[in-house]
Structure formats: C-alpha cells, structure tokens
C-alpha cells in the first residue's frame, strides 16, 4: 500500500470514527473508549479511484443536507473493514503494544488481506504499522513498522494537531 494511500486510509478511518452513525447523536468528543469500542464492528466501503469528482452542493447556508447515495462511482473499489482485537490476528506478535487491529479485505482481489495495528491510549491514537498477507499468485507477507501518532485523544470538535512522519 502506498504511503499516500495509507495516510488517506488513516484519515478515512478517523473520519469514520468521528462521524459514525453508531455514536450518540451530537457527540463532539472521541475518546479511547470510543475507538476500542469498535472491536467487533464491520463496514463496507465503496471507493471511487478518480482524483476529483464534481459535486453540486447547492447554495450556501445552514441546515444543508447532501445525499450522495445516488452518485455513480466509476470502477468502484470495494473494501471490507473489520475491527478486531489483536489476539485474533496471526501476525499480532509483531506488534505487541497493539490493542486494536483494522483488517481490510478487497473481495474483488481475493488473496490479499491488510492488517493495520493501532495502540489506543487515553491520550493518543498511534499507528504501529501493518502486515499484508498475499496468497495469490504466490504466498507473500510484508510487515511495515511505524510509530506514528495519528491523533491526540480525546479528539474534540475543532481540535487541531500536526502529525509529522520521517521516511528514511
């Protein structure tokens, strides 16, 4: 997975946590308990690979509702994301500090599974790295170690932070 795609995916995951309809209405703070509470949940994502999609958002003003369900996606990529406890993942011994795992499978490309390992503490959401298992056409495993703070916790509405990653 390219670094840009991985950063985008992390942002999508954080956005999912922030705007999940499973959360209480009008929740404006995300805590470590909210993130760890995702264990056992599953979501299906249809992603459009285009770099930009023109959207008419109407006139400016409050109380706007945008419904994108009818939008046609060009060659959508389907991904299934499950949130697991590390004990249920074969490569968890590589990430002993992990307490949340995101498993991503793409049914259109069987034979590839991505596991993102996170450490959630009361004060931070940390990406420890990932492991990728490819079984087709050859059995291949890739492990990528990181220790990047994705967000301070709790995250509250209007929080700002800067994350820096050095690749070398």
N, C-alpha and C. Protein backbone atom coordinates (compact mmCIF):
# COMPACT_ATOMS: atom_id res chain seq x y z
N UNK A 1 0.86 -1.16 0.00
CA UNK A 1 0.00 0.00 0.00
C UNK A 1 0.91 1.22 0.00
N UNK A 2 0.65 2.16 -0.92
CA UNK A 2 1.50 3.34 -0.99
C UNK A 2 1.31 4.17 0.27
N UNK A 3 2.32 4.97 0.58
CA UNK A 3 2.28 5.81 1.78
C UNK A 3 1.13 6.79 1.71
N UNK A 4 0.91 7.41 0.53
CA UNK A 4 -0.19 8.35 0.38
C UNK A 4 -1.52 7.66 0.60
N UNK A 5 -1.70 6.47 0.02
CA UNK A 5 -2.95 5.73 0.21
C UNK A 5 -3.12 5.36 1.69
N UNK A 6 -2.03 5.01 2.37
CA UNK A 6 -2.11 4.64 3.78
C UNK A 6 -2.51 5.84 4.63
N UNK A 7 -1.95 7.01 4.33
CA UNK A 7 -2.32 8.22 5.07
C UNK A 7 -3.78 8.55 4.81
N UNK A 8 -4.20 8.45 3.53
CA UNK A 8 -5.60 8.69 3.20
C UNK A 8 -6.51 7.72 3.95
N UNK A 9 -6.10 6.45 3.97
CA UNK A 9 -6.91 5.44 4.63
C UNK A 9 -7.02 5.75 6.13
N UNK A 10 -5.92 6.16 6.76
CA UNK A 10 -5.96 6.52 8.18
C UNK A 10 -6.91 7.68 8.42
N UNK A 11 -6.91 8.65 7.50
CA UNK A 11 -7.83 9.78 7.63
C UNK A 11 -9.27 9.32 7.49
N UNK A 12 -9.52 8.39 6.54
CA UNK A 12 -10.87 7.85 6.37
C UNK A 12 -11.33 7.11 7.63
N UNK A 13 -10.41 6.34 8.22
CA UNK A 13 -10.76 5.61 9.44
C UNK A 13 -11.09 6.58 10.56
N UNK A 14 -10.27 7.61 10.74
CA UNK A 14 -10.54 8.59 11.78
C UNK A 14 -11.86 9.30 11.51
N UNK A 15 -12.12 9.63 10.24
CA UNK A 15 -13.40 10.26 9.89
C UNK A 15 -14.56 9.31 10.19
N UNK A 16 -14.37 8.00 9.92
CA UNK A 16 -15.41 7.03 10.24
C UNK A 16 -15.71 7.06 11.73
N UNK A 17 -14.65 7.09 12.54
CA UNK A 17 -14.84 7.14 13.99
C UNK A 17 -15.55 8.42 14.41
N UNK A 18 -15.20 9.54 13.77
CA UNK A 18 -15.78 10.82 14.15
C UNK A 18 -17.24 10.94 13.74
N UNK A 19 -17.59 10.36 12.59
CA UNK A 19 -18.93 10.57 12.05
C UNK A 19 -19.78 9.31 11.99
N UNK A 20 -19.37 8.27 12.69
CA UNK A 20 -20.10 7.01 12.67
C UNK A 20 -21.51 7.19 13.20
N UNK A 21 -22.50 6.67 12.47
CA UNK A 21 -23.87 6.80 12.95
C UNK A 21 -24.14 5.96 14.20
N UNK A 22 -23.22 5.07 14.57
CA UNK A 22 -23.39 4.27 15.77
C UNK A 22 -23.12 5.08 17.03
N UNK A 23 -22.48 6.21 16.89
CA UNK A 23 -22.16 7.04 18.04
C UNK A 23 -23.40 7.83 18.45
N UNK A 24 -23.41 8.31 19.68
CA UNK A 24 -24.56 9.07 20.15
C UNK A 24 -24.70 10.36 19.35
N UNK A 25 -25.93 10.77 19.15
CA UNK A 25 -26.22 11.96 18.38
C UNK A 25 -25.54 13.17 19.02
N UNK A 26 -24.91 14.00 18.18
CA UNK A 26 -24.26 15.24 18.59
C UNK A 26 -23.02 15.02 19.43
N UNK A 27 -22.42 13.85 19.36
CA UNK A 27 -21.18 13.62 20.08
C UNK A 27 -20.10 14.47 19.45
N UNK A 28 -19.39 15.24 20.25
CA UNK A 28 -18.35 16.11 19.71
C UNK A 28 -16.97 15.78 20.27
N UNK A 29 -16.85 14.69 20.99
CA UNK A 29 -15.56 14.25 21.52
C UNK A 29 -15.42 12.75 21.31
N UNK A 30 -14.25 12.34 20.81
CA UNK A 30 -13.94 10.92 20.62
C UNK A 30 -12.86 10.56 21.62
N UNK A 31 -13.10 9.52 22.40
CA UNK A 31 -12.16 9.08 23.42
C UNK A 31 -11.57 7.73 23.04
N UNK A 32 -10.60 7.28 23.81
CA UNK A 32 -10.01 5.96 23.58
C UNK A 32 -11.06 4.87 23.72
N UNK A 33 -12.01 5.04 24.62
CA UNK A 33 -13.08 4.03 24.79
C UNK A 33 -13.95 3.93 23.54
N UNK A 34 -14.18 5.06 22.87
CA UNK A 34 -14.95 5.03 21.62
C UNK A 34 -14.23 4.21 20.57
N UNK A 35 -12.91 4.42 20.44
CA UNK A 35 -12.14 3.70 19.43
C UNK A 35 -12.06 2.21 19.77
N UNK A 36 -11.77 1.90 21.02
CA UNK A 36 -11.68 0.49 21.41
C UNK A 36 -13.05 -0.19 21.35
N UNK A 37 -14.10 0.58 21.43
CA UNK A 37 -15.45 0.05 21.31
C UNK A 37 -15.80 -0.39 19.90
N UNK A 38 -14.93 -0.10 18.93
CA UNK A 38 -15.16 -0.51 17.55
C UNK A 38 -14.87 -2.00 17.34
N UNK A 39 -14.18 -2.65 18.29
CA UNK A 39 -13.87 -4.08 18.14
C UNK A 39 -15.16 -4.85 17.91
N UNK A 40 -15.15 -5.66 16.87
CA UNK A 40 -16.33 -6.45 16.52
C UNK A 40 -17.20 -5.80 15.46
N UNK A 41 -16.91 -4.54 15.10
CA UNK A 41 -17.73 -3.89 14.08
C UNK A 41 -17.14 -4.11 12.70
N UNK A 42 -17.96 -3.88 11.70
CA UNK A 42 -17.58 -4.13 10.31
C UNK A 42 -18.23 -3.07 9.44
N UNK A 43 -17.50 -2.64 8.41
CA UNK A 43 -18.06 -1.68 7.46
C UNK A 43 -17.61 -2.05 6.06
N UNK A 44 -18.43 -1.72 5.08
CA UNK A 44 -18.09 -1.93 3.68
C UNK A 44 -17.97 -0.58 3.03
N UNK A 45 -16.85 -0.37 2.33
CA UNK A 45 -16.57 0.92 1.70
C UNK A 45 -16.49 0.73 0.20
N UNK A 46 -17.18 1.60 -0.54
CA UNK A 46 -17.03 1.66 -1.99
C UNK A 46 -16.25 2.93 -2.27
N UNK A 47 -15.08 2.78 -2.88
CA UNK A 47 -14.19 3.91 -3.10
C UNK A 47 -14.07 4.18 -4.59
N UNK A 48 -14.19 5.43 -4.96
CA UNK A 48 -14.01 5.84 -6.34
C UNK A 48 -12.56 6.25 -6.53
N UNK A 49 -11.91 5.74 -7.56
CA UNK A 49 -10.49 5.98 -7.77
C UNK A 49 -10.17 7.28 -8.49
N UNK A 50 -11.16 8.05 -8.88
CA UNK A 50 -10.88 9.31 -9.57
C UNK A 50 -10.25 10.32 -8.61
N UNK A 51 -9.43 11.22 -9.15
CA UNK A 51 -8.78 12.21 -8.29
C UNK A 51 -9.71 13.34 -7.89
N UNK A 52 -10.73 13.61 -8.68
CA UNK A 52 -11.71 14.63 -8.30
C UNK A 52 -13.06 14.25 -8.87
N UNK A 53 -14.09 14.63 -8.14
CA UNK A 53 -15.45 14.33 -8.55
C UNK A 53 -16.26 15.62 -8.39
N UNK A 54 -16.77 16.20 -9.50
CA UNK A 54 -17.56 17.42 -9.37
C UNK A 54 -18.89 17.15 -8.66
N UNK A 55 -19.21 17.98 -7.70
CA UNK A 55 -20.43 17.83 -6.93
C UNK A 55 -21.09 19.20 -6.80
N UNK A 56 -22.38 19.27 -7.08
CA UNK A 56 -23.14 20.49 -6.90
C UNK A 56 -23.68 20.48 -5.48
N UNK A 57 -23.16 21.34 -4.63
CA UNK A 57 -23.59 21.36 -3.23
C UNK A 57 -24.70 22.37 -2.97
N UNK A 58 -25.19 23.03 -4.02
CA UNK A 58 -26.30 23.96 -3.85
C UNK A 58 -25.83 25.30 -3.32
N UNK A 59 -26.77 26.04 -2.78
CA UNK A 59 -26.46 27.38 -2.28
C UNK A 59 -25.90 27.31 -0.87
N UNK A 60 -25.17 28.34 -0.49
CA UNK A 60 -24.59 28.40 0.85
C UNK A 60 -25.69 28.63 1.88
N UNK A 61 -25.41 28.19 3.10
CA UNK A 61 -26.35 28.41 4.17
C UNK A 61 -26.40 27.25 5.14
N UNK A 62 -27.07 27.45 6.23
CA UNK A 62 -27.18 26.44 7.27
C UNK A 62 -28.20 25.38 6.89
N UNK A 63 -28.20 24.31 7.66
CA UNK A 63 -29.18 23.22 7.53
C UNK A 63 -29.19 22.59 6.14
N UNK A 64 -28.02 22.37 5.57
CA UNK A 64 -27.89 21.72 4.28
C UNK A 64 -27.85 20.21 4.49
N UNK A 65 -28.44 19.47 3.56
CA UNK A 65 -28.36 18.00 3.57
C UNK A 65 -27.89 17.56 2.20
N UNK A 66 -26.80 16.80 2.17
CA UNK A 66 -26.27 16.29 0.91
C UNK A 66 -26.38 14.78 0.93
N UNK A 67 -27.01 14.24 -0.09
CA UNK A 67 -27.22 12.80 -0.19
C UNK A 67 -26.47 12.29 -1.42
N UNK A 68 -25.39 11.54 -1.19
CA UNK A 68 -24.55 11.05 -2.28
C UNK A 68 -24.86 9.60 -2.65
N UNK A 69 -25.94 9.04 -2.11
CA UNK A 69 -26.25 7.64 -2.37
C UNK A 69 -26.52 7.36 -3.84
N UNK A 70 -27.05 8.30 -4.57
CA UNK A 70 -27.38 8.08 -5.98
C UNK A 70 -26.19 8.34 -6.90
N UNK A 71 -25.07 8.81 -6.37
CA UNK A 71 -23.90 9.12 -7.19
C UNK A 71 -23.34 7.84 -7.81
N UNK A 72 -23.00 7.92 -9.08
CA UNK A 72 -22.41 6.79 -9.78
C UNK A 72 -20.90 6.81 -9.58
N UNK A 73 -20.35 5.72 -9.09
CA UNK A 73 -18.91 5.60 -8.91
C UNK A 73 -18.31 4.92 -10.13
N UNK A 74 -17.22 5.49 -10.64
CA UNK A 74 -16.53 4.90 -11.79
C UNK A 74 -15.59 3.82 -11.30
N UNK A 75 -15.80 2.61 -11.74
CA UNK A 75 -14.95 1.48 -11.35
C UNK A 75 -14.70 1.44 -9.84
N UNK A 76 -15.76 1.32 -9.06
CA UNK A 76 -15.57 1.37 -7.61
C UNK A 76 -14.74 0.20 -7.09
N UNK A 77 -13.95 0.51 -6.07
CA UNK A 77 -13.17 -0.50 -5.37
C UNK A 77 -13.93 -0.80 -4.08
N UNK A 78 -14.25 -2.05 -3.87
CA UNK A 78 -14.98 -2.46 -2.68
C UNK A 78 -13.98 -2.97 -1.65
N UNK A 79 -14.08 -2.47 -0.43
CA UNK A 79 -13.22 -2.93 0.65
C UNK A 79 -14.08 -3.20 1.88
N UNK A 80 -13.79 -4.28 2.57
CA UNK A 80 -14.49 -4.62 3.81
C UNK A 80 -13.50 -4.41 4.94
N UNK A 81 -13.89 -3.61 5.92
CA UNK A 81 -13.05 -3.31 7.06
C UNK A 81 -13.69 -3.89 8.31
N UNK A 82 -12.90 -4.63 9.07
CA UNK A 82 -13.35 -5.18 10.35
C UNK A 82 -12.39 -4.71 11.43
N UNK A 83 -12.91 -4.41 12.60
CA UNK A 83 -12.08 -4.00 13.72
C UNK A 83 -12.02 -5.17 14.70
N UNK A 84 -10.80 -5.60 15.01
CA UNK A 84 -10.57 -6.82 15.78
C UNK A 84 -9.67 -6.56 16.98
N UNK A 85 -9.69 -7.51 17.91
CA UNK A 85 -8.69 -7.49 18.98
C UNK A 85 -7.44 -8.17 18.43
N UNK A 86 -6.25 -7.75 18.85
CA UNK A 86 -5.02 -8.31 18.29
C UNK A 86 -4.89 -9.83 18.48
N UNK A 87 -5.47 -10.37 19.52
CA UNK A 87 -5.35 -11.80 19.78
C UNK A 87 -5.91 -12.66 18.66
N UNK A 88 -6.81 -12.09 17.86
CA UNK A 88 -7.44 -12.86 16.78
C UNK A 88 -6.69 -12.74 15.45
N UNK A 89 -5.53 -12.08 15.46
CA UNK A 89 -4.79 -11.83 14.22
C UNK A 89 -3.47 -12.60 14.24
N UNK A 90 -3.17 -13.35 13.16
CA UNK A 90 -1.97 -14.19 13.15
C UNK A 90 -0.65 -13.45 13.36
N UNK A 91 -0.52 -12.22 12.88
CA UNK A 91 0.76 -11.50 12.97
C UNK A 91 0.83 -10.54 14.16
N UNK A 92 -0.05 -10.69 15.12
CA UNK A 92 -0.10 -9.75 16.24
C UNK A 92 1.18 -9.77 17.08
N UNK A 93 1.93 -10.88 17.08
CA UNK A 93 3.16 -10.93 17.89
C UNK A 93 4.19 -9.93 17.40
N UNK A 94 4.08 -9.47 16.16
CA UNK A 94 5.00 -8.45 15.62
C UNK A 94 4.71 -7.07 16.19
N UNK A 95 3.50 -6.89 16.73
CA UNK A 95 3.07 -5.59 17.27
C UNK A 95 2.54 -5.78 18.69
N UNK A 96 3.43 -6.07 19.64
CA UNK A 96 2.98 -6.42 20.99
C UNK A 96 2.23 -5.30 21.72
N UNK A 97 2.41 -4.05 21.33
CA UNK A 97 1.72 -2.95 22.01
C UNK A 97 0.35 -2.65 21.45
N UNK A 98 -0.08 -3.40 20.44
CA UNK A 98 -1.35 -3.12 19.79
C UNK A 98 -2.54 -3.56 20.65
N UNK A 99 -3.59 -2.74 20.64
CA UNK A 99 -4.83 -3.14 21.30
C UNK A 99 -6.05 -2.97 20.38
N UNK A 100 -5.81 -2.62 19.09
CA UNK A 100 -6.87 -2.53 18.11
C UNK A 100 -6.27 -2.85 16.74
N UNK A 101 -6.96 -3.70 15.98
CA UNK A 101 -6.50 -4.07 14.64
C UNK A 101 -7.62 -3.79 13.65
N UNK A 102 -7.24 -3.20 12.53
CA UNK A 102 -8.16 -2.97 11.44
C UNK A 102 -7.79 -3.95 10.32
N UNK A 103 -8.70 -4.83 9.98
CA UNK A 103 -8.48 -5.83 8.92
C UNK A 103 -9.21 -5.35 7.68
N UNK A 104 -8.48 -5.26 6.57
CA UNK A 104 -9.06 -4.79 5.32
C UNK A 104 -8.92 -5.89 4.27
N UNK A 105 -10.04 -6.26 3.68
CA UNK A 105 -10.03 -7.22 2.58
C UNK A 105 -10.75 -6.59 1.39
N UNK A 106 -10.31 -6.96 0.21
CA UNK A 106 -10.96 -6.49 -1.01
C UNK A 106 -11.48 -7.72 -1.75
N UNK A 107 -12.80 -7.96 -1.71
CA UNK A 107 -13.36 -9.14 -2.35
C UNK A 107 -13.04 -9.24 -3.83
N UNK A 108 -12.84 -8.10 -4.52
CA UNK A 108 -12.54 -8.14 -5.95
C UNK A 108 -11.13 -8.66 -6.22
N UNK A 109 -10.25 -8.60 -5.23
CA UNK A 109 -8.88 -9.09 -5.38
C UNK A 109 -8.62 -10.10 -4.28
N UNK A 110 -9.22 -11.28 -4.39
CA UNK A 110 -9.06 -12.25 -3.31
C UNK A 110 -7.60 -12.65 -3.14
N UNK A 111 -7.27 -13.00 -1.94
CA UNK A 111 -5.92 -13.43 -1.66
C UNK A 111 -5.06 -12.36 -1.02
N UNK A 112 -5.61 -11.17 -0.75
CA UNK A 112 -4.86 -10.11 -0.09
C UNK A 112 -5.63 -9.62 1.14
N UNK A 113 -4.94 -9.56 2.26
CA UNK A 113 -5.52 -9.06 3.50
C UNK A 113 -4.52 -8.10 4.13
N UNK A 114 -4.99 -6.93 4.55
CA UNK A 114 -4.15 -5.94 5.21
C UNK A 114 -4.61 -5.82 6.66
N UNK A 115 -3.66 -5.87 7.58
CA UNK A 115 -3.94 -5.67 9.00
C UNK A 115 -3.20 -4.41 9.43
N UNK A 116 -3.93 -3.39 9.89
CA UNK A 116 -3.33 -2.19 10.46
C UNK A 116 -3.40 -2.32 11.97
N UNK A 117 -2.26 -2.12 12.63
CA UNK A 117 -2.17 -2.29 14.08
C UNK A 117 -2.10 -0.92 14.76
N UNK A 118 -2.98 -0.71 15.73
CA UNK A 118 -3.04 0.55 16.45
C UNK A 118 -2.84 0.32 17.95
N UNK A 119 -2.27 1.35 18.60
CA UNK A 119 -2.23 1.38 20.07
C UNK A 119 -3.06 2.59 20.48
N UNK A 120 -4.12 2.30 21.20
CA UNK A 120 -5.03 3.33 21.66
C UNK A 120 -4.78 3.52 23.16
N UNK A 121 -4.45 4.74 23.56
CA UNK A 121 -4.29 5.06 24.98
C UNK A 121 -5.24 6.21 25.29
N UNK A 122 -5.44 6.53 26.55
CA UNK A 122 -6.30 7.67 26.85
C UNK A 122 -5.83 8.98 26.22
N UNK A 123 -4.53 9.07 25.86
CA UNK A 123 -4.02 10.33 25.32
C UNK A 123 -3.61 10.28 23.85
N UNK A 124 -3.65 9.09 23.19
CA UNK A 124 -3.21 9.07 21.80
C UNK A 124 -3.76 7.89 21.00
N UNK A 125 -3.83 8.11 19.68
CA UNK A 125 -4.22 7.11 18.68
C UNK A 125 -2.97 6.92 17.82
N UNK A 126 -2.27 5.78 18.00
CA UNK A 126 -0.97 5.55 17.38
C UNK A 126 -1.06 4.42 16.37
N UNK A 127 -0.52 4.65 15.17
CA UNK A 127 -0.41 3.61 14.15
C UNK A 127 0.93 2.92 14.35
N UNK A 128 0.92 1.65 14.73
CA UNK A 128 2.15 0.89 14.96
C UNK A 128 2.71 0.29 13.68
N UNK A 129 1.89 0.13 12.66
CA UNK A 129 2.33 -0.45 11.40
C UNK A 129 1.28 -1.37 10.84
N UNK A 130 1.69 -2.15 9.85
CA UNK A 130 0.75 -3.05 9.20
C UNK A 130 1.44 -4.31 8.73
N UNK A 131 0.64 -5.31 8.50
CA UNK A 131 1.13 -6.53 7.86
C UNK A 131 0.18 -6.86 6.73
N UNK A 132 0.76 -7.27 5.62
CA UNK A 132 -0.02 -7.60 4.43
C UNK A 132 0.25 -9.05 4.10
N UNK A 133 -0.80 -9.80 3.92
CA UNK A 133 -0.69 -11.22 3.56
C UNK A 133 -1.30 -11.39 2.18
N UNK A 134 -0.47 -11.84 1.24
CA UNK A 134 -0.92 -12.08 -0.14
C UNK A 134 -0.76 -13.57 -0.40
N UNK A 135 -1.83 -14.22 -0.84
CA UNK A 135 -1.77 -15.67 -1.08
C UNK A 135 -1.90 -16.03 -2.55
N UNK A 136 -2.09 -15.03 -3.41
CA UNK A 136 -2.24 -15.32 -4.83
C UNK A 136 -1.50 -14.26 -5.62
N UNK A 137 -0.65 -14.56 -6.54
CA UNK A 137 -0.32 -15.88 -7.06
C UNK A 137 0.70 -16.63 -6.22
N UNK A 138 1.51 -15.91 -5.41
CA UNK A 138 2.46 -16.58 -4.53
C UNK A 138 2.19 -16.14 -3.11
N UNK A 139 2.51 -16.99 -2.16
CA UNK A 139 2.34 -16.70 -0.75
C UNK A 139 3.42 -15.69 -0.32
N UNK A 140 3.01 -14.47 0.03
CA UNK A 140 3.94 -13.41 0.38
C UNK A 140 3.42 -12.67 1.61
N UNK A 141 4.32 -12.31 2.52
CA UNK A 141 3.96 -11.48 3.67
C UNK A 141 4.87 -10.27 3.70
N UNK A 142 4.29 -9.12 4.01
CA UNK A 142 5.04 -7.88 4.14
C UNK A 142 4.66 -7.26 5.48
N UNK A 143 5.66 -6.85 6.25
CA UNK A 143 5.41 -6.19 7.53
C UNK A 143 6.05 -4.81 7.48
N UNK A 144 5.32 -3.81 7.87
CA UNK A 144 5.78 -2.43 7.84
C UNK A 144 5.60 -1.85 9.24
N UNK A 145 6.70 -1.43 9.87
CA UNK A 145 6.65 -0.90 11.23
C UNK A 145 6.61 0.63 11.20
N UNK A 146 5.78 1.19 12.03
CA UNK A 146 5.67 2.63 12.20
C UNK A 146 5.50 2.88 13.70
N UNK A 147 5.47 4.11 14.07
CA UNK A 147 5.11 4.50 15.42
C UNK A 147 4.62 5.94 15.33
N UNK A 148 3.56 6.14 14.53
CA UNK A 148 3.07 7.47 14.21
C UNK A 148 1.80 7.79 14.99
N UNK A 149 1.82 8.94 15.66
CA UNK A 149 0.62 9.40 16.35
C UNK A 149 -0.32 9.95 15.29
N UNK A 150 -1.48 9.31 15.14
CA UNK A 150 -2.47 9.77 14.17
C UNK A 150 -3.28 10.93 14.74
N UNK A 151 -3.53 10.89 16.05
CA UNK A 151 -4.30 11.96 16.68
C UNK A 151 -4.10 11.91 18.19
N UNK A 152 -4.10 13.07 18.82
CA UNK A 152 -4.14 13.07 20.28
C UNK A 152 -5.55 12.70 20.72
N UNK A 153 -5.68 12.12 21.86
CA UNK A 153 -7.01 11.81 22.40
C UNK A 153 -7.18 12.49 23.75
N UNK A 154 -8.37 12.88 24.08
CA UNK A 154 -9.56 12.79 23.24
C UNK A 154 -9.51 13.81 22.10
N UNK A 155 -10.21 13.48 21.00
CA UNK A 155 -10.35 14.40 19.88
C UNK A 155 -11.68 15.09 20.06
N UNK A 156 -11.65 16.40 20.09
CA UNK A 156 -12.88 17.17 20.27
C UNK A 156 -13.12 18.02 19.04
N UNK A 157 -14.36 18.36 18.82
CA UNK A 157 -14.72 19.23 17.70
C UNK A 157 -13.84 20.47 17.73
N UNK A 158 -13.27 20.83 16.60
CA UNK A 158 -12.38 21.97 16.41
C UNK A 158 -10.97 21.75 16.94
N UNK A 159 -10.60 20.52 17.33
CA UNK A 159 -9.21 20.24 17.70
C UNK A 159 -8.31 20.41 16.48
N UNK A 160 -7.10 20.84 16.72
CA UNK A 160 -6.08 20.93 15.67
C UNK A 160 -4.81 20.25 16.16
N UNK A 161 -4.12 19.55 15.26
CA UNK A 161 -2.83 18.97 15.59
C UNK A 161 -2.06 18.77 14.31
N UNK A 162 -0.77 18.58 14.46
CA UNK A 162 0.10 18.34 13.32
C UNK A 162 0.80 17.01 13.54
N UNK A 163 0.79 16.16 12.52
CA UNK A 163 1.49 14.87 12.57
C UNK A 163 2.60 14.91 11.54
N UNK A 164 3.80 14.52 11.96
CA UNK A 164 4.95 14.52 11.06
C UNK A 164 5.51 13.10 11.00
N UNK A 165 5.83 12.67 9.80
CA UNK A 165 6.42 11.34 9.61
C UNK A 165 7.68 11.49 8.80
N UNK A 166 8.75 10.85 9.24
CA UNK A 166 10.01 10.87 8.52
C UNK A 166 10.24 9.48 7.95
N UNK A 167 10.36 9.39 6.64
CA UNK A 167 10.62 8.13 5.97
C UNK A 167 12.07 8.14 5.51
N UNK A 168 12.80 7.19 5.96
CA UNK A 168 14.20 7.24 5.60
C UNK A 168 14.81 5.98 5.48
